[in-house]
């Protein structure tokens, strides 16, 4: 289709103000690619890293955005019918090719997940990357078992909140950390059994709560607290390194014999669209629609508020997932 669209473009790295809203040509999909009319997209910390220039991959100028939710407009290879509701994420979006901060996006068909839902786009836009990361951390990173105990380090992040929702649906006992007691109600709203104030060391509190360590832990804060998270985990338990909210990515002078408690396993998870099976997405959306699960949305924005949205994300004032909702097409 010809014509132009509104899109956010980054020409060079910098502060939130480098995010420029422009009219650009609507992209054309080739064979094996899908054109999606974006109805909403979630915001992610990795987009802050890309915009500010600390990301290790990607090229500029670029339309950022590693996820989007919307409706198929065309698929030259016949993989999808126009009008189908879909989500897409990762796979180079917003890094090696233009991403979701736009009215339309073109992505490889293999990273498009169809679904059917009557939920508002503000809710659907929050789901793709948040659910994929939380689901993969539990299923792949931890190989979690129903009814186990789980520690979520960095629990008020969007992924931390989503992981709590999924874990509670599996009958797990959830301990979740935050640096502010004022955020305990947010954790309790998504079913967390034991909100914990995180001073940097929580292992002792976790062991006191359970009479031993947790079966599994999702590390979302980063390398600076991971040693303490390992100490909060029982022998035979697993810690999955998923996120780096602290922006501390590496461990200087890592000495495994000293760092890893006897029998505690350390894994990592950073998934792609393939990490979220279609049936798992549909089951989650159906549960939200039925009131049996919640999508932890912090705040919604218009696309012309993208600079403020990035400021809020950097200041950690969103309190859940930040979502940009686009106007309905004419």
Protein backbone atom coordinates (compact mmCIF):
# COMPACT_ATOMS: atom_id res chain seq x y z
CA UNK A 1 0.00 0.00 0.00
CA UNK A 2 1.24 3.50 -0.80
CA UNK A 3 1.07 6.57 1.41
CA UNK A 4 2.75 7.85 4.55
CA UNK A 5 2.52 7.11 8.25
CA UNK A 6 3.52 8.67 11.55
CA UNK A 7 6.62 7.09 13.03
CA UNK A 8 9.19 7.86 15.71
CA UNK A 9 12.71 8.06 14.26
CA UNK A 10 16.10 8.13 16.02
CA UNK A 11 18.85 9.70 13.87
CA UNK A 12 21.60 9.65 16.50
CA UNK A 13 21.94 8.43 20.10
CA UNK A 14 21.04 10.70 22.97
CA UNK A 15 18.46 11.79 25.56
CA UNK A 16 14.70 11.17 25.08
CA UNK A 17 14.52 14.30 22.91
CA UNK A 18 16.26 12.45 20.03
CA UNK A 19 12.95 10.60 19.49
CA UNK A 20 11.42 12.54 16.58
CA UNK A 21 7.85 12.05 15.32
CA UNK A 22 7.81 12.24 11.50
CA UNK A 23 5.78 11.41 8.42
CA UNK A 24 7.57 8.58 6.58
CA UNK A 25 6.55 6.22 3.75
CA UNK A 26 4.50 3.16 4.75
CA UNK A 27 6.85 0.16 4.32
CA UNK A 28 6.12 -2.49 1.69
CA UNK A 29 6.36 -6.18 2.68
CA UNK A 30 8.25 -8.63 0.48
CA UNK A 31 7.68 -12.40 0.32
CA UNK A 32 7.94 -13.93 3.79
CA UNK A 33 7.24 -10.59 5.51
CA UNK A 34 4.01 -9.19 6.95
CA UNK A 35 2.67 -5.63 7.03
CA UNK A 36 0.92 -4.91 10.34
CA UNK A 37 -1.25 -1.90 11.18
CA UNK A 38 0.03 -1.15 14.69
CA UNK A 39 -2.73 -0.46 17.21
CA UNK A 40 -0.51 -0.37 20.32
CA UNK A 41 3.06 -1.05 21.37
CA UNK A 42 4.76 -1.57 24.71
CA UNK A 43 7.90 0.24 25.83
CA UNK A 44 11.00 -1.63 27.00
CA UNK A 45 14.25 -0.79 28.75
CA UNK A 46 16.22 -2.23 25.83
CA UNK A 47 14.77 0.64 23.74
CA UNK A 48 16.24 3.10 26.24
CA UNK A 49 19.60 1.39 25.80
CA UNK A 50 19.29 1.57 22.00
CA UNK A 51 18.16 5.20 21.99
CA UNK A 52 20.93 6.31 24.36
CA UNK A 53 23.64 4.46 22.44
CA UNK A 54 24.66 1.81 24.97
CA UNK A 55 23.07 -1.09 23.05
CA UNK A 56 25.56 -3.45 21.42
CA UNK A 57 23.56 -3.99 18.23
CA UNK A 58 21.52 -2.02 15.71
CA UNK A 59 22.05 0.80 13.24
CA UNK A 60 20.83 4.39 12.84
CA UNK A 61 18.72 6.12 11.63
CA UNK A 62 16.03 3.72 12.82
CA UNK A 63 12.42 3.47 13.93
CA UNK A 64 12.86 1.79 17.34
CA UNK A 65 10.55 -0.64 19.12
CA UNK A 66 11.00 -4.37 19.77
CA UNK A 67 7.28 -5.25 19.88
CA UNK A 68 3.86 -4.34 18.49
CA UNK A 69 0.22 -5.48 18.55
CA UNK A 70 -2.16 -4.86 15.69
CA UNK A 71 -3.88 -6.21 12.59
CA UNK A 72 -2.43 -7.82 9.45
CA UNK A 73 -2.75 -5.60 6.37
CA UNK A 74 -0.95 -7.84 3.89
CA UNK A 75 1.22 -10.95 3.76
CA UNK A 76 2.52 -11.57 0.21
CA UNK A 77 3.52 -15.13 1.11
CA UNK A 78 -0.01 -15.99 2.23
CA UNK A 79 1.01 -16.81 5.81
CA UNK A 80 -1.76 -14.63 7.30
CA UNK A 81 -5.14 -13.33 6.20
CA UNK A 82 -5.64 -9.54 6.25
CA UNK A 83 -7.64 -8.49 9.31
CA UNK A 84 -6.19 -11.11 11.67
CA UNK A 85 -5.14 -9.82 15.11
CA UNK A 86 -1.44 -10.40 15.73
CA UNK A 87 1.48 -9.66 18.02
CA UNK A 88 5.14 -9.51 17.07
CA UNK A 89 8.39 -9.03 18.96
CA UNK A 90 12.18 -9.23 18.82
CA UNK A 91 13.95 -10.80 15.83
CA UNK A 92 15.85 -7.60 15.08
CA UNK A 93 12.84 -5.28 15.34
CA UNK A 94 13.87 -1.71 16.05
CA UNK A 95 17.54 -2.62 15.73
CA UNK A 96 18.48 -4.17 12.38
CA UNK A 97 15.15 -3.24 10.75
CA UNK A 98 12.46 -0.68 11.63
CA UNK A 99 10.37 -1.48 14.67
CA UNK A 100 7.04 -0.85 16.32
CA UNK A 101 7.15 2.89 17.14
CA UNK A 102 4.99 3.58 14.08
CA UNK A 103 1.51 3.27 12.59
CA UNK A 104 2.68 0.36 10.41
CA UNK A 105 5.51 -2.16 10.74
CA UNK A 106 6.88 -4.87 8.45
CA UNK A 107 8.31 -7.99 10.12
CA UNK A 108 9.26 -11.56 9.15
CA UNK A 109 6.23 -13.88 9.13
CA UNK A 110 8.01 -16.28 11.50
CA UNK A 111 7.84 -13.80 14.36
CA UNK A 112 4.11 -13.04 14.06
CA UNK A 113 1.70 -14.69 16.53
CA UNK A 114 -2.04 -14.59 15.73
CA UNK A 115 -4.72 -14.38 18.43
CA UNK A 116 -8.39 -13.52 18.90
CA UNK A 117 -9.48 -11.16 21.68
CA UNK A 118 -12.01 -8.45 22.52
CA UNK A 119 -9.64 -6.85 25.05
CA UNK A 120 -8.81 -3.18 24.43
CA UNK A 121 -5.65 -2.45 22.45
CA UNK A 122 -4.21 -0.66 25.48
CA UNK A 123 -4.21 -4.04 27.23
CA UNK A 124 -3.12 -6.09 24.22
CA UNK A 125 -0.25 -3.70 23.51
CA UNK A 126 1.25 -4.44 26.91
CA UNK A 127 1.41 -8.19 26.41
CA UNK A 128 3.91 -9.45 23.77
CA UNK A 129 7.42 -8.89 25.14
CA UNK A 130 6.34 -8.87 28.79
CA UNK A 131 4.52 -12.21 28.51
CA UNK A 132 7.19 -13.79 26.28
CA UNK A 133 9.94 -12.92 28.78
CA UNK A 134 7.98 -13.95 31.87
CA UNK A 135 6.70 -17.17 30.26
CA UNK A 136 10.15 -18.12 28.95
CA UNK A 137 11.87 -17.39 32.25
CA UNK A 138 9.52 -19.78 34.03
CA UNK A 139 9.25 -22.48 31.34
CA UNK A 140 12.76 -22.45 29.86
CA UNK A 141 14.99 -20.68 32.37
CA UNK A 142 13.62 -22.35 35.52
CA UNK A 143 11.73 -25.35 34.10
CA UNK A 144 9.30 -24.42 36.89
CA UNK A 145 6.91 -26.98 38.37
CA UNK A 146 3.39 -26.14 39.57
CA UNK A 147 3.28 -25.45 43.31
CA UNK A 148 6.97 -24.54 43.71
CA UNK A 149 8.29 -21.49 45.56
CA UNK A 150 9.54 -18.58 43.46
CA UNK A 151 11.57 -15.45 44.18
CA UNK A 152 11.19 -12.56 41.71
CA UNK A 153 14.02 -10.07 42.16
CA UNK A 154 12.79 -6.76 40.71
CA UNK A 155 9.13 -7.58 41.16
CA UNK A 156 7.53 -4.24 40.23
CA UNK A 157 9.02 -4.26 36.74
CA UNK A 158 6.53 -5.19 34.03
CA UNK A 159 8.19 -8.61 33.54
CA UNK A 160 8.30 -9.16 37.30
CA UNK A 161 4.57 -8.43 37.60
CA UNK A 162 3.73 -10.69 34.64
CA UNK A 163 5.87 -13.50 36.08
CA UNK A 164 3.93 -13.26 39.35
CA UNK A 165 0.61 -13.50 37.47
CA UNK A 166 1.78 -16.61 35.57
CA UNK A 167 3.28 -18.21 38.67
CA UNK A 168 0.10 -17.75 40.72
CA UNK A 169 -1.90 -19.38 37.91
CA UNK A 170 0.38 -22.39 38.43
CA UNK A 171 -0.21 -22.53 42.19
CA UNK A 172 3.25 -21.26 43.08
CA UNK A 173 4.15 -19.38 46.27
CA UNK A 174 5.64 -16.07 45.16
CA UNK A 175 8.09 -13.83 46.99
CA UNK A 176 8.71 -10.59 45.12
CA UNK A 177 11.08 -7.73 45.90
CA UNK A 178 10.83 -3.95 45.58
CA UNK A 179 12.99 -1.09 46.84
CA UNK A 180 9.91 0.82 48.04
CA UNK A 181 7.36 -0.30 50.63
CA UNK A 182 4.85 1.99 48.88
CA UNK A 183 4.82 -0.56 46.04
CA UNK A 184 3.72 -3.50 48.20
CA UNK A 185 0.04 -2.97 47.18
CA UNK A 186 1.06 -3.22 43.49
CA UNK A 187 2.69 -6.59 44.18
CA UNK A 188 -0.29 -7.79 46.23
CA UNK A 189 -2.68 -6.82 43.39
CA UNK A 190 -1.06 -9.41 41.11
CA UNK A 191 -1.17 -12.11 43.78
CA UNK A 192 2.31 -11.96 45.34
CA UNK A 193 2.24 -13.87 48.64
CA UNK A 194 5.23 -12.17 50.27
CA UNK A 195 6.34 -8.67 49.16
CA UNK A 196 9.89 -8.01 50.39
CA UNK A 197 11.72 -4.71 50.82
CA UNK A 198 14.99 -5.02 48.89
CA UNK A 199 17.97 -3.34 50.53
CA UNK A 200 20.37 -5.24 48.29
CA UNK A 201 20.34 -8.34 50.50
CA UNK A 202 17.20 -10.47 50.83
CA UNK A 203 18.58 -14.03 51.11
CA UNK A 204 18.25 -14.11 54.89
CA UNK A 205 14.64 -12.89 54.78
CA UNK A 206 13.75 -15.43 52.08
CA UNK A 207 15.24 -18.32 54.02
CA UNK A 208 13.47 -17.20 57.21
CA UNK A 209 10.14 -17.07 55.36
CA UNK A 210 10.44 -20.55 53.92
CA UNK A 211 12.66 -22.35 56.36
CA UNK A 212 15.14 -22.73 53.49
CA UNK A 213 15.70 -21.32 50.02
CA UNK A 214 13.30 -20.98 47.11
CA UNK A 215 12.94 -23.59 44.37
CA UNK A 216 13.50 -20.98 41.68
CA UNK A 217 14.39 -17.31 41.29
CA UNK A 218 14.05 -14.88 38.38
CA UNK A 219 16.80 -12.28 38.48
CA UNK A 220 15.59 -9.02 36.93
CA UNK A 221 17.80 -6.53 38.79
CA UNK A 222 21.22 -7.56 37.51
CA UNK A 223 24.68 -8.79 38.30
CA UNK A 224 25.02 -6.51 41.34
CA UNK A 225 22.51 -8.54 43.42
CA UNK A 226 22.72 -11.92 41.73
CA UNK A 227 25.06 -13.41 44.32
CA UNK A 228 22.48 -12.68 47.02
CA UNK A 229 19.73 -14.19 44.82
CA UNK A 230 21.82 -17.37 44.48
CA UNK A 231 22.15 -17.51 48.28
CA UNK A 232 18.35 -17.29 48.58
CA UNK A 233 17.94 -20.48 46.49
CA UNK A 234 17.94 -24.02 47.88
CA UNK A 235 20.38 -26.73 46.74
CA UNK A 236 18.91 -28.17 43.54
CA UNK A 237 17.11 -24.88 42.85
CA UNK A 238 17.59 -22.66 39.82
CA UNK A 239 18.29 -18.94 39.31
CA UNK A 240 17.39 -17.56 35.88
CA UNK A 241 19.21 -14.37 34.87
CA UNK A 242 16.66 -12.50 32.75
CA UNK A 243 16.99 -8.77 33.30
CA UNK A 244 19.32 -5.95 34.24
CA UNK A 245 17.20 -3.14 35.72
CA UNK A 246 20.31 -1.91 37.53
CA UNK A 247 22.12 -1.66 34.17
CA UNK A 248 24.92 -3.75 35.70
CA UNK A 249 25.37 -6.44 33.06
CA UNK A 250 28.70 -8.09 33.90
CA UNK A 251 30.45 -9.57 36.93
CA UNK A 252 34.04 -8.46 37.50
CA UNK A 253 36.37 -11.30 38.51
CA UNK A 254 33.62 -13.93 38.46
CA UNK A 255 34.82 -16.94 40.49
CA UNK A 256 32.22 -19.73 40.09
CA UNK A 257 33.35 -21.79 43.11
CA UNK A 258 32.89 -18.77 45.35
CA UNK A 259 29.75 -17.37 43.69
CA UNK A 260 27.64 -20.50 43.23
CA UNK A 261 26.31 -22.20 46.36
CA UNK A 262 26.58 -26.00 46.34
CA UNK A 263 23.99 -27.51 44.01
CA UNK A 264 22.37 -24.20 42.93
CA UNK A 265 22.07 -23.88 39.15
CA UNK A 266 22.37 -20.64 37.16
CA UNK A 267 20.69 -20.21 33.76
CA UNK A 268 19.74 -17.28 31.53
CA UNK A 269 16.79 -16.40 29.34
CA UNK A 270 16.47 -13.86 26.53
CA UNK A 271 13.84 -15.12 24.14
CA UNK A 272 12.36 -14.48 20.74
CA UNK A 273 8.77 -14.67 19.47
CA UNK A 274 9.23 -18.44 19.11
CA UNK A 275 9.58 -18.61 22.91
CA UNK A 276 5.88 -17.75 23.32
CA UNK A 277 3.70 -20.53 21.87
CA UNK A 278 0.46 -19.32 20.26
CA UNK A 279 -1.72 -21.46 22.58
CA UNK A 280 0.01 -19.98 25.65
CA UNK A 281 -0.69 -16.44 24.41
CA UNK A 282 -4.34 -17.25 23.65
CA UNK A 283 -4.83 -18.99 27.02
CA UNK A 284 -3.41 -15.95 28.83
CA UNK A 285 -5.60 -13.47 26.91
CA UNK A 286 -8.67 -15.62 27.54
CA UNK A 287 -7.82 -15.68 31.25
CA UNK A 288 -7.50 -11.89 31.32
CA UNK A 289 -10.85 -11.55 29.56
CA UNK A 290 -12.44 -13.90 32.10
CA UNK A 291 -10.98 -11.94 35.02
CA UNK A 292 -8.70 -14.83 36.04
CA UNK A 293 -5.46 -12.98 35.21
CA UNK A 294 -4.38 -9.36 34.98
CA UNK A 295 -2.15 -7.36 32.64
CA UNK A 296 -0.08 -5.00 34.82
CA UNK A 297 -0.36 -1.75 32.85
CA UNK A 298 1.33 1.23 34.47
CA UNK A 299 0.48 4.05 32.06
CA UNK A 300 -0.70 4.64 28.50
CA UNK A 301 0.52 7.33 26.11
CA UNK A 302 -0.19 8.73 22.64
CA UNK A 303 2.57 8.43 20.05
CA UNK A 304 3.19 12.19 20.26
CA UNK A 305 3.98 11.69 23.98
CA UNK A 306 6.88 9.30 23.27
CA UNK A 307 9.54 11.64 24.72
CA UNK A 308 7.67 11.91 28.03
CA UNK A 309 7.10 8.15 28.02
CA UNK A 310 10.87 7.56 27.79
CA UNK A 311 11.48 10.09 30.56
CA UNK A 312 9.01 8.25 32.80
CA UNK A 313 10.56 4.89 31.95
CA UNK A 314 14.03 6.18 32.85
CA UNK A 315 12.72 7.63 36.12
CA UNK A 316 11.02 4.31 37.02
CA UNK A 317 7.72 6.08 37.67
CA UNK A 318 5.47 4.00 35.39
CA UNK A 319 4.53 1.27 37.93
CA UNK A 320 3.90 -1.52 35.41
CA UNK A 321 4.03 -1.70 31.64
CA UNK A 322 4.11 1.53 29.61
CA UNK A 323 1.99 1.31 26.45
CA UNK A 324 1.55 3.65 23.48
CA UNK A 325 -1.94 3.41 21.92
CA UNK A 326 -2.47 4.60 18.34
CA UNK A 327 -5.70 6.05 17.00
CA UNK A 328 -8.06 3.67 15.25
CA UNK A 329 -7.65 3.73 11.45
CA UNK A 330 -10.24 5.61 9.42
